[in-house]
Amino acid sequence: MKNLANMMKQAQQMQSRMAEMQAKLEAATMQGQAGGGMVKITLSGKGDLKAVSIDPSLMVADDREVLEDLLLAAHADAKQKVEAMMAEEMQKATAGMNIPGGLGGLGGLKLPF
């Protein structure tokens, strides 16, 4: 019975930490860039696109393909940073919790963000 109470307490702590993590991710932004900073993409901590910045020198009709590639690269850079931040926050949220397999045990868990 004591084990069940301990598990319930851990679940409540985890729920509280997850809510804090979601709020932190909502407020955070990450910027990715490509082309030496000529193209910048800003994503929220939840991965929503917040801003795009393109150096005016790239606004040439002949360089459309280059610009498209730089946009994709900047987005990938920002997304990688968001994912790293999410992993770090998840690690903090689950610190001290006895979750089988650590973060790997959460691999199949669909989080709301």
Protein backbone atom coordinates (compact mmCIF):
# COMPACT_ATOMS: atom_id res chain seq x y z
CA MET A 1 0.00 0.00 0.00
CA LYS A 2 2.88 2.33 0.82
CA ASN A 3 4.34 1.60 -2.63
CA LEU A 4 1.07 2.67 -4.30
CA ALA A 5 1.00 5.92 -2.31
CA ASN A 6 4.60 6.59 -3.32
CA MET A 7 3.73 5.97 -6.97
CA MET A 8 0.77 8.37 -6.74
CA LYS A 9 3.00 11.01 -5.19
CA GLN A 10 5.54 10.57 -7.99
CA ALA A 11 2.78 10.82 -10.60
CA GLN A 12 1.55 14.10 -9.06
CA GLN A 13 5.10 15.47 -9.01
CA MET A 14 5.58 14.43 -12.62
CA GLN A 15 2.32 16.11 -13.62
CA SER A 16 3.39 19.32 -11.91
CA ARG A 17 6.82 19.24 -13.55
CA MET A 18 5.28 18.56 -16.96
CA ALA A 19 2.96 21.57 -16.58
CA GLU A 20 5.94 23.75 -15.66
CA MET A 21 7.88 22.39 -18.63
CA GLN A 22 5.01 23.12 -21.02
CA ALA A 23 4.78 26.71 -19.77
CA LYS A 24 8.52 27.15 -20.18
CA LEU A 25 8.45 25.72 -23.71
CA GLU A 26 5.52 27.97 -24.62
CA ALA A 27 7.52 31.06 -23.63
CA ALA A 28 10.85 29.97 -25.14
CA THR A 29 12.08 30.71 -28.64
CA MET A 30 14.98 29.25 -30.60
CA GLN A 31 16.61 30.76 -33.63
CA GLY A 32 18.17 28.76 -36.41
CA GLN A 33 20.25 30.24 -39.17
CA ALA A 34 21.86 29.39 -42.46
CA GLY A 35 24.11 31.07 -44.97
CA GLY A 36 26.22 32.70 -42.29
CA GLY A 37 23.15 34.27 -40.70
CA MET A 38 21.68 35.54 -43.96
CA VAL A 39 18.52 33.52 -43.29
CA LYS A 40 17.11 33.22 -39.77
CA ILE A 41 14.12 31.24 -38.56
CA THR A 42 12.63 31.63 -35.07
CA LEU A 43 10.55 28.81 -33.60
CA SER A 44 8.68 28.65 -30.33
CA GLY A 45 9.67 26.00 -27.83
CA LYS A 46 6.74 24.00 -29.17
CA GLY A 47 7.98 24.26 -32.75
CA ASP A 48 5.62 26.96 -34.03
CA LEU A 49 7.12 29.32 -36.61
CA LYS A 50 7.40 32.79 -35.07
CA ALA A 51 9.61 34.76 -37.48
CA VAL A 52 11.62 34.62 -40.69
CA SER A 53 14.42 37.03 -41.52
CA ILE A 54 16.02 37.12 -44.98
CA ASP A 55 19.00 39.28 -45.90
CA PRO A 56 17.91 41.59 -48.75
CA SER A 57 20.89 40.50 -50.87
CA LEU A 58 19.19 37.10 -51.26
CA MET A 59 16.09 38.62 -52.84
CA VAL A 60 17.23 37.99 -56.39
CA ALA A 61 14.99 36.05 -58.79
CA ASP A 62 17.91 33.96 -60.05
CA ASP A 63 18.76 32.79 -56.51
CA ARG A 64 15.31 31.47 -55.65
CA GLU A 65 16.56 27.89 -55.25
CA VAL A 66 19.42 29.02 -53.01
CA LEU A 67 16.99 30.98 -50.82
CA GLU A 68 14.66 27.99 -50.56
CA ASP A 69 17.56 25.76 -49.52
CA LEU A 70 18.72 28.30 -46.94
CA LEU A 71 15.20 28.52 -45.50
CA LEU A 72 15.08 24.75 -45.12
CA ALA A 73 18.53 24.68 -43.52
CA ALA A 74 17.65 27.48 -41.08
CA HIS A 75 14.43 25.70 -40.13
CA ALA A 76 16.30 22.43 -39.55
CA ASP A 77 18.82 24.28 -37.36
CA ALA A 78 16.07 25.89 -35.26
CA LYS A 79 14.14 22.61 -35.00
CA GLN A 80 17.25 20.77 -33.78
CA LYS A 81 17.73 23.42 -31.09
CA VAL A 82 14.08 23.16 -30.02
CA GLU A 83 14.33 19.36 -29.81
CA ALA A 84 17.53 19.61 -27.74
CA MET A 85 15.84 22.07 -25.38
CA MET A 86 12.79 19.80 -25.10
CA ALA A 87 14.99 16.80 -24.28
CA GLU A 88 16.81 18.82 -21.63
CA GLU A 89 13.54 20.03 -20.09
CA MET A 90 12.14 16.48 -20.16
CA GLN A 91 15.23 15.26 -18.35
CA LYS A 92 14.72 17.95 -15.70
CA ALA A 93 11.01 17.12 -15.40
CA THR A 94 11.70 13.44 -14.89
CA ALA A 95 14.72 13.87 -12.61
CA GLY A 96 14.51 11.55 -9.64
CA MET A 97 11.50 9.71 -11.05
CA ASN A 98 11.79 5.97 -11.36
CA ILE A 99 10.75 5.70 -14.99
CA PRO A 100 11.71 2.39 -16.59
CA GLY A 101 14.19 2.97 -19.39
CA GLY A 102 14.72 6.64 -18.52
CA LEU A 103 13.77 8.95 -21.36
CA GLY A 104 13.85 5.98 -23.68
CA GLY A 105 10.89 4.64 -21.75
CA LEU A 106 8.96 7.72 -22.84
CA GLY A 107 9.63 7.06 -26.52
CA GLY A 108 6.10 5.83 -27.20
CA LEU A 109 4.50 8.47 -25.00
CA LYS A 110 2.69 11.13 -27.02
CA LEU A 111 3.14 14.45 -25.29
CA PRO A 112 0.74 17.34 -26.01
CA PHE A 113 3.48 19.51 -27.56
